[in-house]
Amino acid sequence: MLPELSQIYRRHSRRISNIGLELVDDIDEKLKNLEAIVDSTRTAKQELLRRSLEKQQEIVDIIRDSKESGFECSYMELFAIMAIRYGFTKDSLYQFATAFSAMANKRYFRKAGENPGLRWALQHDLVSRVEECLDNFESPITSRDIMRKLNLENIKNNYFSIRSALNLLELINKVIRLPHVSEEGVPYMWISSKFRNSSKTIPYWNLAYIILLALRDGGAMTRDDLAKNPLVSNLASVHPFQGRFNYMTFNTYALDFLILAGLVEYKKGKRVSKKSTLYSITPYGSSLLRNTENWGYLDEELRVELLGEKYVGLRPSEIMALRRIRLTAFIFANQYKSTYLLSKILGVGSHYVSLVRSGSIDPLRFFKEETLRQKYYPLIFKEEQRGLEIYLTFRRERQISQAKN
């Protein structure tokens, strides 16, 4: 049993699987041969190899122990365990990263899930620098803000490395992830765990949180009423993406998100129209807001709900997949609406809608039908379920046609 597992905050998705036993035996044999060489006669190259093999052996031991504990370890979790044992500076972890890369290159694992961003972060000692940066700054900031504070060049390597460093620090409870600025593509906000009970954790920048406040204070509202609500419109007026509070932002990304989390409920009006649907906050949502206001900092359960970590058990990548599925299903469910009208409702280009309708592009081509039906079908609304059925029928017919040709 690995005692470090109890200290890891949450699990990441990319698993390390199927260690080849014959290759592990190869590590043991090489180590024995090198240990047999007296220290004084061992060359510098042999000494480096010995150290690398020792690191590889420890990695294998951790993965084996984690599997015996019923916990299939991921690359990020492996390094979280290492960070708990040895710290997270370059000197303590970078050698493990190079050892893992050596094992992955020799195909010691069928599915390694290696994270190049974390290796880059360790190589340039970014993990400890990011932790120090957040420790000295009480207000929540994004990964791009951290890049600026560390005077890092705005390139992809640095951006992904900062994100990987933050993910590792979150796993070992050094930093806290907060709901992001309310627009797709804008990263999460982060704060040091030592400021967990600070009022700065309350996400007044987040659309979902503001909608909860508006519904709590103003009662049941339609989507149009919400858009005109002072709390929501004030957020829109200072938002860096002004003018883009469209159907996808309000309905898919905020209201539907809150509905699936159980924080908001809806009731259809007399007219069969989205404009007549009334949204209201649930008792559960009210209780979490009340806790936040009484305590003066963000309630932990509300934080988790707003992050989507309990979003019907989906990981962030799966939440993004769900949005794409819903968008495609909505297009197929509304085949008789004009392309222009659909593009305005969804906030996407009319050319994109035309391409999806015609089958020229297939946003769901990498999803198996079984996955769509079993995993995502129960999570979408009835209209979208109907659209998904139409899409799947369309896809099957197209595949049959292509096979004949």
Protein backbone atom coordinates (compact mmCIF):
# COMPACT_ATOMS: atom_id res chain seq x y z
CA MET A 1 0.00 0.00 0.00
CA LEU A 2 1.29 3.47 -0.91
CA PRO A 3 0.67 5.94 1.95
CA GLU A 4 1.08 8.84 -0.52
CA LEU A 5 -2.15 7.88 -2.31
CA SER A 6 -4.22 9.26 0.58
CA GLN A 7 -2.52 12.66 0.11
CA ILE A 8 -3.33 13.02 -3.59
CA TYR A 9 -6.22 15.39 -4.25
CA ARG A 10 -7.84 13.92 -7.36
CA ARG A 11 -7.11 11.47 -10.12
CA HIS A 12 -6.04 12.36 -13.66
CA SER A 13 -7.21 10.47 -16.68
CA ARG A 14 -4.22 9.09 -18.58
CA ARG A 15 -3.36 5.71 -17.05
CA ILE A 16 -0.08 3.82 -17.17
CA SER A 17 -0.84 0.22 -18.03
CA ASN A 18 0.65 -3.20 -18.77
CA ILE A 19 4.20 -3.22 -17.47
CA GLY A 20 6.06 -5.92 -19.37
CA LEU A 21 7.45 -8.27 -16.69
CA GLU A 22 10.29 -9.46 -18.93
CA LEU A 23 11.39 -5.82 -19.36
CA VAL A 24 11.24 -5.23 -15.61
CA ASP A 25 13.47 -8.27 -15.17
CA ASP A 26 15.82 -6.61 -17.66
CA ILE A 27 16.12 -3.58 -15.30
CA ASP A 28 16.93 -5.88 -12.37
CA GLU A 29 19.57 -7.74 -14.34
CA LYS A 30 21.30 -4.59 -15.58
CA LEU A 31 21.32 -3.14 -12.07
CA LYS A 32 22.91 -6.29 -10.62
CA ASN A 33 25.62 -6.21 -13.29
CA LEU A 34 26.41 -2.55 -12.57
CA GLU A 35 26.35 -3.04 -8.81
CA ALA A 36 28.87 -5.84 -9.22
CA ILE A 37 31.36 -3.32 -10.62
CA VAL A 38 33.37 -1.71 -7.84
CA ASP A 39 32.66 2.03 -7.38
CA SER A 40 36.27 3.00 -8.07
CA THR A 41 36.35 1.19 -11.44
CA ARG A 42 32.88 2.24 -12.62
CA THR A 43 32.98 4.74 -15.50
CA ALA A 44 30.98 8.00 -15.45
CA LYS A 45 28.65 6.60 -18.13
CA GLN A 46 28.07 3.42 -16.13
CA GLU A 47 27.33 5.46 -13.00
CA LEU A 48 24.74 7.56 -14.86
CA LEU A 49 23.13 4.38 -16.18
CA ARG A 50 23.05 2.89 -12.68
CA ARG A 51 21.27 5.96 -11.28
CA SER A 52 18.78 5.94 -14.16
CA LEU A 53 18.02 2.24 -13.60
CA GLU A 54 17.47 2.86 -9.88
CA LYS A 55 14.95 5.56 -10.73
CA GLN A 56 13.28 3.23 -13.25
CA GLN A 57 13.04 0.50 -10.63
CA GLU A 58 11.39 2.87 -8.16
CA ILE A 59 8.90 3.96 -10.83
CA VAL A 60 7.99 0.33 -11.52
CA ASP A 61 7.60 -0.37 -7.79
CA ILE A 62 5.19 2.58 -7.39
CA ILE A 63 3.09 1.50 -10.38
CA ARG A 64 2.94 -2.09 -9.13
CA ASP A 65 2.06 -1.04 -5.58
CA SER A 66 -0.64 1.32 -6.83
CA LYS A 67 -2.23 -1.46 -8.89
CA GLU A 68 -2.18 -3.79 -5.89
CA SER A 69 -4.01 -1.04 -3.98
CA GLY A 70 -6.70 -0.99 -6.67
CA PHE A 71 -5.51 2.40 -7.92
CA GLU A 72 -4.35 2.46 -11.54
CA CYS A 73 -1.68 5.16 -11.50
CA SER A 74 -1.37 7.92 -14.11
CA TYR A 75 1.76 9.75 -15.18
CA MET A 76 0.76 12.88 -13.23
CA GLU A 77 -0.14 10.86 -10.13
CA LEU A 78 3.17 9.02 -10.33
CA PHE A 79 5.01 12.34 -10.11
CA ALA A 80 2.67 13.54 -7.37
CA ILE A 81 3.84 10.57 -5.30
CA MET A 82 7.45 11.42 -6.12
CA ALA A 83 6.85 15.08 -5.17
CA ILE A 84 5.42 14.03 -1.79
CA ARG A 85 8.48 11.85 -1.19
CA TYR A 86 11.25 14.09 -2.47
CA GLY A 87 9.83 17.57 -3.08
CA PHE A 88 9.12 19.15 -6.46
CA THR A 89 12.33 20.94 -7.39
CA LYS A 90 14.27 20.17 -10.56
CA ASP A 91 16.98 18.32 -8.60
CA SER A 92 14.47 16.01 -6.93
CA LEU A 93 12.19 15.10 -9.86
CA TYR A 94 13.80 15.74 -13.24
CA GLN A 95 15.89 12.56 -13.11
CA PHE A 96 12.69 10.56 -12.62
CA ALA A 97 11.20 12.26 -15.69
CA THR A 98 14.19 11.29 -17.85
CA ALA A 99 14.11 7.75 -16.44
CA PHE A 100 10.43 7.43 -17.33
CA SER A 101 11.09 8.72 -20.85
CA ALA A 102 13.80 6.09 -21.27
CA MET A 103 11.33 3.39 -20.23
CA ALA A 104 8.60 4.73 -22.51
CA ASN A 105 11.01 4.84 -25.45
CA LYS A 106 11.84 1.16 -24.87
CA ARG A 107 8.09 0.41 -24.76
CA TYR A 108 8.12 -0.78 -21.17
CA PHE A 109 4.47 0.32 -21.15
CA ARG A 110 1.81 -0.32 -23.74
CA LYS A 111 0.19 3.02 -22.85
CA ALA A 112 2.52 5.40 -21.04
CA GLY A 113 0.53 8.64 -21.12
CA GLU A 114 3.72 10.68 -20.78
CA ASN A 115 3.27 14.41 -20.30
CA PRO A 116 5.94 16.41 -22.19
CA GLY A 117 4.68 19.62 -20.54
CA LEU A 118 5.53 18.32 -17.07
CA ARG A 119 8.98 17.16 -18.15
CA TRP A 120 9.68 20.62 -19.60
CA ALA A 121 8.39 22.21 -16.38
CA LEU A 122 10.69 20.03 -14.26
CA GLN A 123 13.66 20.65 -16.55
CA HIS A 124 13.25 24.42 -16.11
CA ASP A 125 12.28 24.22 -12.43
CA LEU A 126 8.88 25.76 -13.18
CA VAL A 127 6.94 23.73 -10.59
CA SER A 128 8.68 25.33 -7.62
CA ARG A 129 8.64 28.75 -9.31
CA VAL A 130 4.87 28.53 -9.93
CA GLU A 131 4.27 27.48 -6.32
CA GLU A 132 6.36 30.42 -5.05
CA CYS A 133 4.55 32.83 -7.39
CA LEU A 134 1.10 31.82 -6.08
CA ASP A 135 2.35 31.79 -2.49
CA ASN A 136 3.22 35.48 -2.81
CA PHE A 137 -0.01 36.55 -4.50
CA GLU A 138 -3.35 36.34 -2.70
CA SER A 139 -5.68 37.04 -5.63
CA PRO A 140 -6.65 34.24 -8.05
CA ILE A 141 -4.81 34.36 -11.39
CA THR A 142 -4.77 32.38 -14.63
CA SER A 143 -1.91 30.33 -16.05
CA ARG A 144 -1.21 33.14 -18.52
CA ASP A 145 -0.96 35.62 -15.64
CA ILE A 146 1.60 33.31 -14.04
CA MET A 147 3.60 33.25 -17.27
CA ARG A 148 3.74 37.05 -17.24
CA LYS A 149 4.74 37.19 -13.59
CA LEU A 150 7.56 34.72 -14.21
CA ASN A 151 8.65 36.70 -17.31
CA LEU A 152 8.24 33.65 -19.54
CA GLU A 153 7.98 33.95 -23.28
CA ASN A 154 4.43 33.46 -24.60
CA ILE A 155 5.05 30.19 -26.44
CA LYS A 156 3.23 26.85 -26.39
CA ASN A 157 5.96 25.01 -24.48
CA ASN A 158 5.79 27.47 -21.60
CA TYR A 159 1.98 27.59 -21.58
CA PHE A 160 1.53 23.81 -21.42
CA SER A 161 4.36 23.50 -18.90
CA ILE A 162 2.68 26.00 -16.56
CA ARG A 163 -0.58 24.08 -16.83
CA SER A 164 1.20 20.79 -16.09
CA ALA A 165 2.98 22.36 -13.11
CA LEU A 166 -0.36 23.62 -11.76
CA ASN A 167 -1.95 20.19 -12.21
CA LEU A 168 0.88 18.57 -10.26
CA LEU A 169 0.70 21.18 -7.48
CA GLU A 170 -3.07 20.69 -7.29
CA LEU A 171 -2.62 16.95 -6.85
CA ILE A 172 -0.40 17.49 -3.80
CA ASN A 173 -2.71 20.19 -2.40
CA LYS A 174 -0.35 23.12 -2.88
CA VAL A 175 -2.74 25.11 -5.08
CA ILE A 176 -6.51 25.28 -5.61
CA ARG A 177 -8.27 25.39 -8.96
CA LEU A 178 -11.14 27.90 -9.09
CA PRO A 179 -13.92 28.31 -11.70
CA HIS A 180 -12.67 29.98 -14.84
CA VAL A 181 -13.53 33.29 -16.44
CA SER A 182 -16.87 32.82 -18.16
CA GLU A 183 -15.91 32.09 -21.72
CA GLU A 184 -14.75 28.94 -23.45
CA GLY A 185 -11.03 28.95 -24.09
CA VAL A 186 -10.20 31.08 -21.04
CA PRO A 187 -8.21 29.09 -18.47
CA TYR A 188 -9.11 28.30 -14.88
CA MET A 189 -8.20 30.64 -12.05
CA TRP A 190 -5.67 29.45 -9.46
CA ILE A 191 -4.81 30.41 -5.90
CA SER A 192 -2.39 29.07 -3.29
CA SER A 193 -3.95 26.60 -0.86
CA LYS A 194 -2.83 28.79 2.04
CA PHE A 195 -5.48 31.32 0.89
CA ARG A 196 -8.23 28.67 0.83
CA ASN A 197 -10.37 30.59 3.33
CA SER A 198 -9.94 33.95 1.64
CA SER A 199 -12.89 35.96 0.30
CA LYS A 200 -10.89 36.20 -2.95
CA THR A 201 -11.95 32.61 -3.74
CA ILE A 202 -15.58 33.69 -4.34
CA PRO A 203 -15.85 33.63 -8.17
CA TYR A 204 -17.62 36.88 -9.05
CA TRP A 205 -15.91 36.57 -12.45
CA ASN A 206 -17.74 33.33 -13.30
CA LEU A 207 -21.01 33.41 -15.27
CA ALA A 208 -22.50 30.30 -13.65
CA TYR A 209 -21.96 31.74 -10.17
CA ILE A 210 -23.46 35.10 -11.19
CA ILE A 211 -26.50 33.34 -12.67
CA LEU A 212 -27.02 31.55 -9.34
CA LEU A 213 -26.93 34.90 -7.52
CA ALA A 214 -29.35 36.45 -10.03
CA LEU A 215 -31.83 33.58 -9.72
CA ARG A 216 -31.58 33.56 -5.93
CA ASP A 217 -32.19 37.32 -5.66
CA GLY A 218 -34.59 37.83 -8.58
CA GLY A 219 -36.60 34.60 -8.58
CA ALA A 220 -37.50 32.53 -11.65
CA MET A 221 -36.45 34.07 -14.97
CA THR A 222 -36.38 33.28 -18.66
CA ARG A 223 -33.09 33.22 -20.53
CA ASP A 224 -33.80 36.67 -21.98
CA ASP A 225 -34.57 38.04 -18.50
CA LEU A 226 -31.26 36.67 -17.26
CA ALA A 227 -29.40 38.40 -20.08
CA LYS A 228 -30.96 41.72 -19.01
CA ASN A 229 -30.40 41.14 -15.29
CA PRO A 230 -28.02 43.81 -13.84
CA LEU A 231 -25.70 41.22 -12.26
CA VAL A 232 -25.32 39.29 -15.51
CA SER A 233 -25.19 42.29 -17.83
CA ASN A 234 -22.56 43.97 -15.63
CA LEU A 235 -20.35 40.88 -15.98
CA ALA A 236 -20.88 40.96 -19.75
CA SER A 237 -19.97 44.67 -19.92
CA VAL A 238 -16.50 44.15 -18.39
CA HIS A 239 -15.91 40.78 -19.99
CA PRO A 240 -12.93 40.47 -22.35
CA PHE A 241 -15.19 38.76 -24.91
CA GLN A 242 -18.02 41.30 -25.03
CA GLY A 243 -20.93 40.55 -27.32
CA ARG A 244 -20.43 36.79 -27.29
CA PHE A 245 -23.01 35.89 -24.62
CA ASN A 246 -25.05 33.77 -27.04
CA TYR A 247 -27.04 30.54 -26.87
CA MET A 248 -23.98 28.36 -26.40
CA THR A 249 -22.67 30.48 -23.53
CA PHE A 250 -25.96 30.88 -21.69
CA ASN A 251 -27.70 27.60 -22.37
CA THR A 252 -25.08 24.95 -22.95
CA TYR A 253 -22.22 26.31 -20.94
CA ALA A 254 -24.00 27.91 -17.98
CA LEU A 255 -27.68 27.12 -17.51
CA ASP A 256 -27.56 23.50 -18.69
CA PHE A 257 -24.34 23.02 -16.73
CA LEU A 258 -26.10 24.27 -13.59
CA ILE A 259 -29.16 22.11 -14.31
CA LEU A 260 -27.06 18.93 -14.61
CA ALA A 261 -25.27 19.88 -11.37
CA GLY A 262 -28.65 20.15 -9.62
CA LEU A 263 -28.15 23.83 -8.80
CA VAL A 264 -30.84 25.15 -11.18
CA GLU A 265 -34.16 23.72 -12.38
CA TYR A 266 -36.41 24.75 -15.26
CA LYS A 267 -40.09 24.71 -16.12
CA LYS A 268 -41.57 25.05 -19.59
CA GLY A 269 -43.91 28.01 -20.10
CA LYS A 270 -47.28 27.95 -21.86
CA ARG A 271 -45.64 28.73 -25.21
CA VAL A 272 -43.46 25.96 -26.63
CA SER A 273 -40.37 28.10 -26.91
CA LYS A 274 -37.00 28.44 -25.23
CA LYS A 275 -37.90 32.05 -24.52
CA SER A 276 -40.81 30.96 -22.30
CA THR A 277 -38.77 28.48 -20.23
CA LEU A 278 -38.43 29.64 -16.62
CA TYR A 279 -35.23 28.91 -14.71
CA SER A 280 -35.00 28.95 -10.91
CA ILE A 281 -32.41 28.07 -8.28
CA THR A 282 -32.87 24.78 -6.40
CA PRO A 283 -32.79 24.44 -2.57
CA TYR A 284 -29.42 22.71 -3.02
CA GLY A 285 -28.03 25.67 -4.95
CA SER A 286 -29.43 28.12 -2.37
CA SER A 287 -27.81 26.22 0.51
CA LEU A 288 -24.36 26.29 -1.16
CA LEU A 289 -24.68 30.03 -1.85
CA ARG A 290 -25.76 30.60 1.74
CA ASN A 291 -22.71 28.69 3.04
CA THR A 292 -20.40 30.77 0.84
CA GLU A 293 -21.87 34.05 2.08
CA ASN A 294 -21.93 32.98 5.74
CA TRP A 295 -18.35 31.70 5.72
CA GLY A 296 -16.88 34.49 3.61
CA TYR A 297 -15.14 32.12 1.18
CA LEU A 298 -16.19 29.70 -1.57
CA ASP A 299 -17.96 26.60 -0.27
CA GLU A 300 -15.91 23.53 -1.26
CA GLU A 301 -18.89 21.64 -2.63
CA LEU A 302 -19.95 24.65 -4.72
CA ARG A 303 -16.37 24.98 -6.01
CA VAL A 304 -16.44 21.35 -7.15
CA GLU A 305 -19.85 21.80 -8.80
CA LEU A 306 -18.78 24.96 -10.65
CA LEU A 307 -15.58 23.28 -11.84
CA GLY A 308 -17.56 20.37 -13.24
CA GLU A 309 -15.61 17.75 -11.31
CA LYS A 310 -18.97 16.23 -10.35
CA TYR A 311 -20.42 16.94 -13.80
CA VAL A 312 -22.09 13.53 -13.88
CA GLY A 313 -18.69 11.94 -13.41
CA LEU A 314 -17.08 13.51 -16.47
CA ARG A 315 -13.51 14.74 -16.72
CA PRO A 316 -12.86 18.19 -18.26
CA SER A 317 -11.98 16.65 -21.64
CA GLU A 318 -15.26 14.71 -21.58
CA ILE A 319 -17.21 17.88 -20.74
CA MET A 320 -15.73 19.48 -23.87
CA ALA A 321 -16.75 16.36 -25.83
CA LEU A 322 -20.28 16.63 -24.44
CA ARG A 323 -20.53 20.23 -25.69
CA ARG A 324 -19.49 19.14 -29.18
CA ILE A 325 -22.03 16.29 -29.13
CA ARG A 326 -24.81 18.63 -28.03
CA LEU A 327 -23.94 21.16 -30.71
CA THR A 328 -24.00 18.50 -33.44
CA ALA A 329 -27.22 16.93 -32.09
CA PHE A 330 -28.92 20.34 -31.97
CA ILE A 331 -28.05 20.97 -35.62
CA PHE A 332 -29.54 17.62 -36.70
CA ALA A 333 -32.61 18.08 -34.47
CA ASN A 334 -33.42 21.36 -36.24
CA GLN A 335 -33.03 20.36 -39.88
CA TYR A 336 -35.93 22.56 -41.00
CA LYS A 337 -34.52 25.76 -39.52
CA SER A 338 -32.46 27.93 -41.83
CA THR A 339 -28.69 27.69 -41.68
CA TYR A 340 -28.49 31.39 -40.85
CA LEU A 341 -30.95 31.10 -37.94
CA LEU A 342 -29.18 28.06 -36.50
CA SER A 343 -25.82 29.80 -36.70
CA LYS A 344 -27.23 32.76 -34.76
CA ILE A 345 -28.82 30.52 -32.11
CA LEU A 346 -25.66 28.49 -31.60
CA GLY A 347 -23.14 31.29 -32.02
CA VAL A 348 -21.19 29.47 -34.75
CA GLY A 349 -20.57 30.28 -38.41
CA SER A 350 -23.29 29.47 -40.92
CA HIS A 351 -20.66 27.76 -43.10
CA TYR A 352 -19.90 25.37 -40.21
CA VAL A 353 -23.62 24.50 -39.84
CA SER A 354 -23.86 23.81 -43.60
CA LEU A 355 -20.81 21.53 -43.55
CA VAL A 356 -22.13 19.53 -40.58
CA ARG A 357 -25.57 19.16 -42.15
CA SER A 358 -24.18 17.97 -45.48
CA GLY A 359 -21.73 15.54 -43.85
CA SER A 360 -18.71 17.34 -45.33
CA ILE A 361 -17.32 17.48 -41.81
CA ASP A 362 -18.19 15.13 -38.96
CA PRO A 363 -17.40 16.58 -35.50
CA LEU A 364 -18.16 13.20 -33.91
CA ARG A 365 -16.20 10.97 -36.31
CA PHE A 366 -13.90 9.70 -33.54
CA PHE A 367 -16.78 8.67 -31.25
CA LYS A 368 -18.06 5.10 -31.42
CA GLU A 369 -21.83 4.73 -31.57
CA GLU A 370 -21.71 2.61 -28.41
CA THR A 371 -19.90 5.40 -26.52
CA LEU A 372 -22.37 8.04 -27.71
CA ARG A 373 -25.35 5.93 -26.67
CA GLN A 374 -24.14 4.60 -23.34
CA LYS A 375 -22.10 7.50 -22.00
CA TYR A 376 -23.45 10.73 -23.47
CA TYR A 377 -27.03 10.00 -24.58
CA PRO A 378 -28.47 10.10 -21.00
CA LEU A 379 -26.80 13.49 -20.36
CA ILE A 380 -28.47 15.49 -23.13
CA PHE A 381 -32.01 16.86 -23.39
CA LYS A 382 -34.83 15.11 -25.31
CA GLU A 383 -34.59 17.40 -28.33
CA GLU A 384 -30.87 16.73 -28.56
CA GLN A 385 -31.42 12.97 -28.09
CA ARG A 386 -33.71 13.06 -31.11
CA GLY A 387 -31.02 14.95 -33.04
CA LEU A 388 -28.37 12.43 -32.02
CA GLU A 389 -30.55 9.59 -33.32
CA ILE A 390 -30.94 11.42 -36.64
CA TYR A 391 -27.16 11.98 -36.77
CA LEU A 392 -26.36 8.29 -36.06
CA THR A 393 -28.80 7.15 -38.75
CA PHE A 394 -27.25 9.64 -41.18
CA ARG A 395 -23.74 8.40 -40.30
CA ARG A 396 -24.64 4.72 -40.76
CA GLU A 397 -26.25 5.38 -44.15
CA ARG A 398 -23.22 7.37 -45.28
CA GLN A 399 -20.85 4.56 -44.18
CA ILE A 400 -22.91 1.98 -46.09
CA SER A 401 -22.88 4.19 -49.17
CA GLN A 402 -19.11 4.67 -48.95
CA ALA A 403 -18.57 0.93 -48.53
CA LYS A 404 -20.56 0.21 -51.72
CA ASN A 405 -18.50 2.73 -53.66
